[in-house]
């Protein structure tokens, strides 16, 4: 993964922690705040990237907002068997990973100061790669399969609204 460190991304510290907790609570998930500079438990990418263990998302103030959403969406999109054993690596198929990316863009709208535009921009800045060259092009032109996967799993409705439940 190539990260463009010259361009800043929004961090979770730029939002009220209650807003982050509120999103997770809607899904029956927990938030654990880690002290600045401390290692983040369950972080696949290390550094400031969010971690996940079971139904808990781990962040510290410098965790990128897109990372918080991405790892949260992994926990939402995996089945209960994998969720019960989850520690650091979400695993899963490509179709699920695409659905995770799609859902994180949808859930970004729960945070008006970040929103879809912020999520798309930060995904590009961090180094997410898509066939069409940008997160926005993928989302608008090439992500229908991810959207349908989320609808089939009862995680998103036909109007692209989150259902706020975990995949079973």
C-alpha atoms as a PDB file:
ATOM      1  CA  UNK A   1       0.000   0.000   0.000  1.00  0.00           C
ATOM      2  CA  UNK A   2       1.434   3.381  -1.005  1.00  0.00           C
ATOM      3  CA  UNK A   3       0.468   6.207   1.331  1.00  0.00           C
ATOM      4  CA  UNK A   4       0.786   9.813   0.179  1.00  0.00           C
ATOM      5  CA  UNK A   5       1.970  11.285   3.475  1.00  0.00           C
ATOM      6  CA  UNK A   6       2.313  14.773   1.981  1.00  0.00           C
ATOM      7  CA  UNK A   7      -1.466  15.201   1.952  1.00  0.00           C
ATOM      8  CA  UNK A   8      -3.285  15.151   5.284  1.00  0.00           C
ATOM      9  CA  UNK A   9      -6.363  13.059   5.973  1.00  0.00           C
ATOM     10  CA  UNK A  10      -9.064  13.749   8.560  1.00  0.00           C
ATOM     11  CA  UNK A  11      -8.409  12.102  11.910  1.00  0.00           C
ATOM     12  CA  UNK A  12     -10.900  10.877  14.473  1.00  0.00           C
ATOM     13  CA  UNK A  13      -9.722  13.678  16.819  1.00  0.00           C
ATOM     14  CA  UNK A  14     -11.430  16.155  14.499  1.00  0.00           C
ATOM     15  CA  UNK A  15     -14.843  14.741  15.421  1.00  0.00           C
ATOM     16  CA  UNK A  16     -16.595  14.361  18.763  1.00  0.00           C
ATOM     17  CA  UNK A  17     -15.846  10.940  20.194  1.00  0.00           C
ATOM     18  CA  UNK A  18     -19.560  10.628  21.014  1.00  0.00           C
ATOM     19  CA  UNK A  19     -20.356  10.688  17.287  1.00  0.00           C
ATOM     20  CA  UNK A  20     -17.976   7.785  16.683  1.00  0.00           C
ATOM     21  CA  UNK A  21     -19.447   5.876  19.615  1.00  0.00           C
ATOM     22  CA  UNK A  22     -22.981   6.568  18.407  1.00  0.00           C
ATOM     23  CA  UNK A  23     -22.295   4.941  15.045  1.00  0.00           C
ATOM     24  CA  UNK A  24     -20.771   1.882  16.671  1.00  0.00           C
ATOM     25  CA  UNK A  25     -23.600   1.612  19.197  1.00  0.00           C
ATOM     26  CA  UNK A  26     -26.134   1.430  16.370  1.00  0.00           C
ATOM     27  CA  UNK A  27     -24.343  -1.734  15.248  1.00  0.00           C
ATOM     28  CA  UNK A  28     -23.807  -3.194  18.719  1.00  0.00           C
ATOM     29  CA  UNK A  29     -20.066  -2.512  18.510  1.00  0.00           C
ATOM     30  CA  UNK A  30     -17.695  -0.936  21.036  1.00  0.00           C
ATOM     31  CA  UNK A  31     -15.032   1.747  20.791  1.00  0.00           C
ATOM     32  CA  UNK A  32     -11.740   1.657  22.655  1.00  0.00           C
ATOM     33  CA  UNK A  33      -9.654   4.830  22.740  1.00  0.00           C
ATOM     34  CA  UNK A  34      -5.919   4.222  22.948  1.00  0.00           C
ATOM     35  CA  UNK A  35      -3.516   6.776  24.408  1.00  0.00           C
ATOM     36  CA  UNK A  36      -1.564   8.922  21.913  1.00  0.00           C
ATOM     37  CA  UNK A  37       1.578   7.187  20.638  1.00  0.00           C
ATOM     38  CA  UNK A  38       0.509   3.835  22.111  1.00  0.00           C
ATOM     39  CA  UNK A  39       0.324   0.786  19.899  1.00  0.00           C
ATOM     40  CA  UNK A  40      -3.202   0.163  18.594  1.00  0.00           C
ATOM     41  CA  UNK A  41      -4.416  -3.368  19.377  1.00  0.00           C
ATOM     42  CA  UNK A  42      -5.706  -5.285  16.375  1.00  0.00           C
ATOM     43  CA  UNK A  43      -4.272  -2.839  13.813  1.00  0.00           C
ATOM     44  CA  UNK A  44      -3.464  -4.628  10.556  1.00  0.00           C
ATOM     45  CA  UNK A  45      -1.510  -1.686   9.087  1.00  0.00           C
ATOM     46  CA  UNK A  46       0.124  -0.521  12.330  1.00  0.00           C
ATOM     47  CA  UNK A  47       1.030   3.101  13.071  1.00  0.00           C
ATOM     48  CA  UNK A  48      -2.142   5.132  13.573  1.00  0.00           C
ATOM     49  CA  UNK A  49      -4.477   2.801  11.674  1.00  0.00           C
ATOM     50  CA  UNK A  50      -7.596   1.514  13.460  1.00  0.00           C
ATOM     51  CA  UNK A  51      -7.626  -1.958  14.945  1.00  0.00           C
ATOM     52  CA  UNK A  52     -10.338  -4.531  15.458  1.00  0.00           C
ATOM     53  CA  UNK A  53     -10.722  -7.388  17.866  1.00  0.00           C
ATOM     54  CA  UNK A  54     -14.078  -9.090  18.056  1.00  0.00           C
ATOM     55  CA  UNK A  55     -16.757  -6.397  18.220  1.00  0.00           C
ATOM     56  CA  UNK A  56     -14.381  -3.648  19.367  1.00  0.00           C
ATOM     57  CA  UNK A  57     -12.793  -0.963  17.206  1.00  0.00           C
ATOM     58  CA  UNK A  58      -9.538   0.514  18.549  1.00  0.00           C
ATOM     59  CA  UNK A  59      -8.411   4.042  17.690  1.00  0.00           C
ATOM     60  CA  UNK A  60      -6.201   6.795  18.987  1.00  0.00           C
ATOM     61  CA  UNK A  61      -6.487  10.536  18.264  1.00  0.00           C
ATOM     62  CA  UNK A  62      -4.341  10.389  15.095  1.00  0.00           C
ATOM     63  CA  UNK A  63      -6.271   7.479  13.570  1.00  0.00           C
ATOM     64  CA  UNK A  64      -7.521   8.472  10.116  1.00  0.00           C
ATOM     65  CA  UNK A  65     -11.284   8.737   9.888  1.00  0.00           C
ATOM     66  CA  UNK A  66     -11.332   6.534   6.779  1.00  0.00           C
ATOM     67  CA  UNK A  67      -9.460   3.850   8.730  1.00  0.00           C
ATOM     68  CA  UNK A  68     -11.983   3.974  11.581  1.00  0.00           C
ATOM     69  CA  UNK A  69     -14.793   3.549   9.039  1.00  0.00           C
ATOM     70  CA  UNK A  70     -13.015   0.851   7.026  1.00  0.00           C
ATOM     71  CA  UNK A  71     -12.303  -1.395  10.000  1.00  0.00           C
ATOM     72  CA  UNK A  72     -15.804  -0.768  11.369  1.00  0.00           C
ATOM     73  CA  UNK A  73     -17.253  -1.842   8.027  1.00  0.00           C
ATOM     74  CA  UNK A  74     -15.143  -5.005   8.069  1.00  0.00           C
ATOM     75  CA  UNK A  75     -16.737  -5.961  11.378  1.00  0.00           C
ATOM     76  CA  UNK A  76     -20.194  -5.133  10.004  1.00  0.00           C
ATOM     77  CA  UNK A  77     -19.721  -7.076   6.772  1.00  0.00           C
ATOM     78  CA  UNK A  78     -18.164 -10.294   8.080  1.00  0.00           C
ATOM     79  CA  UNK A  79     -20.338 -13.137   9.255  1.00  0.00           C
ATOM     80  CA  UNK A  80     -20.766 -13.916  12.945  1.00  0.00           C
ATOM     81  CA  UNK A  81     -18.426 -16.933  12.842  1.00  0.00           C
ATOM     82  CA  UNK A  82     -15.485 -14.798  11.641  1.00  0.00           C
ATOM     83  CA  UNK A  83     -16.478 -11.886  13.883  1.00  0.00           C
ATOM     84  CA  UNK A  84     -16.322 -14.133  16.964  1.00  0.00           C
ATOM     85  CA  UNK A  85     -12.696 -15.012  16.102  1.00  0.00           C
ATOM     86  CA  UNK A  86     -11.672 -11.612  14.755  1.00  0.00           C
ATOM     87  CA  UNK A  87      -8.252 -10.312  15.702  1.00  0.00           C
ATOM     88  CA  UNK A  88      -6.449  -7.875  13.390  1.00  0.00           C
ATOM     89  CA  UNK A  89      -6.986  -9.502   9.961  1.00  0.00           C
ATOM     90  CA  UNK A  90     -10.545  -9.389   8.636  1.00  0.00           C
ATOM     91  CA  UNK A  91      -9.884 -11.922   5.892  1.00  0.00           C
ATOM     92  CA  UNK A  92     -12.819 -12.400   3.543  1.00  0.00           C
ATOM     93  CA  UNK A  93     -13.328 -12.515  -0.196  1.00  0.00           C
ATOM     94  CA  UNK A  94     -12.763  -9.707  -2.713  1.00  0.00           C
ATOM     95  CA  UNK A  95     -16.513  -9.116  -2.983  1.00  0.00           C
ATOM     96  CA  UNK A  96     -16.669  -8.483   0.755  1.00  0.00           C
ATOM     97  CA  UNK A  97     -13.689  -6.113   0.640  1.00  0.00           C
ATOM     98  CA  UNK A  98     -15.400  -4.143  -2.125  1.00  0.00           C
ATOM     99  CA  UNK A  99     -18.570  -4.005  -0.020  1.00  0.00           C
ATOM    100  CA  UNK A 100     -16.538  -2.745   2.949  1.00  0.00           C
ATOM    101  CA  UNK A 101     -15.157   0.108   0.822  1.00  0.00           C
ATOM    102  CA  UNK A 102     -18.631   0.958  -0.465  1.00  0.00           C
ATOM    103  CA  UNK A 103     -20.209   0.907   2.990  1.00  0.00           C
ATOM    104  CA  UNK A 104     -17.479   3.092   4.488  1.00  0.00           C
ATOM    105  CA  UNK A 105     -18.331   5.752   1.890  1.00  0.00           C
ATOM    106  CA  UNK A 106     -22.026   5.464   2.758  1.00  0.00           C
ATOM    107  CA  UNK A 107     -21.372   5.618   6.508  1.00  0.00           C
ATOM    108  CA  UNK A 108     -19.136   8.671   6.078  1.00  0.00           C
ATOM    109  CA  UNK A 109     -22.397  10.584   5.592  1.00  0.00           C
ATOM    110  CA  UNK A 110     -23.137   9.979   9.298  1.00  0.00           C
ATOM    111  CA  UNK A 111     -20.419  12.577   9.955  1.00  0.00           C
ATOM    112  CA  UNK A 112     -21.399  15.789   8.131  1.00  0.00           C
ATOM    113  CA  UNK A 113     -17.969  17.388   8.543  1.00  0.00           C
ATOM    114  CA  UNK A 114     -16.406  14.356   6.780  1.00  0.00           C
ATOM    115  CA  UNK A 115     -19.125  13.024   4.491  1.00  0.00           C
ATOM    116  CA  UNK A 116     -18.833  11.090   1.265  1.00  0.00           C
ATOM    117  CA  UNK A 117     -16.576  13.722  -0.333  1.00  0.00           C
ATOM    118  CA  UNK A 118     -14.123  13.548   2.556  1.00  0.00           C
ATOM    119  CA  UNK A 119     -14.109   9.766   2.532  1.00  0.00           C
ATOM    120  CA  UNK A 120     -13.454   9.591  -1.214  1.00  0.00           C
ATOM    121  CA  UNK A 121     -10.663  12.166  -1.027  1.00  0.00           C
ATOM    122  CA  UNK A 122      -8.975  10.528   1.950  1.00  0.00           C
ATOM    123  CA  UNK A 123      -9.230   7.068   0.404  1.00  0.00           C
ATOM    124  CA  UNK A 124      -7.298   8.382  -2.609  1.00  0.00           C
ATOM    125  CA  UNK A 125      -4.788  10.214  -0.410  1.00  0.00           C
ATOM    126  CA  UNK A 126      -4.135   7.110   1.672  1.00  0.00           C
ATOM    127  CA  UNK A 127      -3.573   4.920  -1.347  1.00  0.00           C
ATOM    128  CA  UNK A 128      -6.683   2.802  -1.922  1.00  0.00           C
ATOM    129  CA  UNK A 129      -6.456   1.566  -5.492  1.00  0.00           C
ATOM    130  CA  UNK A 130      -9.330   1.155  -7.899  1.00  0.00           C
ATOM    131  CA  UNK A 131      -9.409   0.124 -11.568  1.00  0.00           C
ATOM    132  CA  UNK A 132     -10.836   3.468 -12.639  1.00  0.00           C
ATOM    133  CA  UNK A 133      -8.094   5.433 -10.901  1.00  0.00           C
ATOM    134  CA  UNK A 134      -9.985   7.006  -8.005  1.00  0.00           C
ATOM    135  CA  UNK A 135     -12.372   6.102  -5.227  1.00  0.00           C
ATOM    136  CA  UNK A 136     -15.005   8.456  -6.649  1.00  0.00           C
ATOM    137  CA  UNK A 137     -14.853   6.960 -10.146  1.00  0.00           C
ATOM    138  CA  UNK A 138     -15.111   3.467  -8.672  1.00  0.00           C
ATOM    139  CA  UNK A 139     -18.021   4.428  -6.394  1.00  0.00           C
ATOM    140  CA  UNK A 140     -19.973   6.152  -9.164  1.00  0.00           C
ATOM    141  CA  UNK A 141     -19.192   3.887 -12.121  1.00  0.00           C
ATOM    142  CA  UNK A 142     -17.910   0.477 -11.045  1.00  0.00           C
ATOM    143  CA  UNK A 143     -19.271  -0.432  -7.613  1.00  0.00           C
ATOM    144  CA  UNK A 144     -22.740  -1.778  -8.393  1.00  0.00           C
ATOM    145  CA  UNK A 145     -21.631  -5.302  -7.456  1.00  0.00           C
ATOM    146  CA  UNK A 146     -20.509  -4.047  -4.010  1.00  0.00           C
ATOM    147  CA  UNK A 147     -23.814  -2.212  -3.556  1.00  0.00           C
ATOM    148  CA  UNK A 148     -25.801  -5.322  -4.494  1.00  0.00           C
ATOM    149  CA  UNK A 149     -23.723  -7.462  -2.117  1.00  0.00           C
ATOM    150  CA  UNK A 150     -24.628  -5.096   0.739  1.00  0.00           C
ATOM    151  CA  UNK A 151     -28.318  -5.188  -0.218  1.00  0.00           C
ATOM    152  CA  UNK A 152     -28.289  -8.996  -0.448  1.00  0.00           C
ATOM    153  CA  UNK A 153     -26.690  -9.198   3.008  1.00  0.00           C
ATOM    154  CA  UNK A 154     -29.397  -6.853   4.365  1.00  0.00           C
ATOM    155  CA  UNK A 155     -26.823  -4.202   5.316  1.00  0.00           C
ATOM    156  CA  UNK A 156     -28.031  -1.511   2.912  1.00  0.00           C
ATOM    157  CA  UNK A 157     -31.479  -0.738   1.532  1.00  0.00           C
ATOM    158  CA  UNK A 158     -32.403  -0.042  -2.098  1.00  0.00           C
ATOM    159  CA  UNK A 159     -32.041   3.716  -1.465  1.00  0.00           C
ATOM    160  CA  UNK A 160     -28.423   3.275  -0.305  1.00  0.00           C
ATOM    161  CA  UNK A 161     -29.340   3.833   3.332  1.00  0.00           C
ATOM    162  CA  UNK A 162     -27.552   1.773   5.989  1.00  0.00           C
ATOM    163  CA  UNK A 163     -29.747  -0.690   7.886  1.00  0.00           C
ATOM    164  CA  UNK A 164     -27.570  -0.544  11.036  1.00  0.00           C
ATOM    165  CA  UNK A 165     -27.260  -4.234  11.706  1.00  0.00           C
ATOM    166  CA  UNK A 166     -24.430  -6.724  11.466  1.00  0.00           C
ATOM    167  CA  UNK A 167     -24.254  -9.442   8.847  1.00  0.00           C
ATOM    168  CA  UNK A 168     -25.316 -12.783  10.293  1.00  0.00           C
END
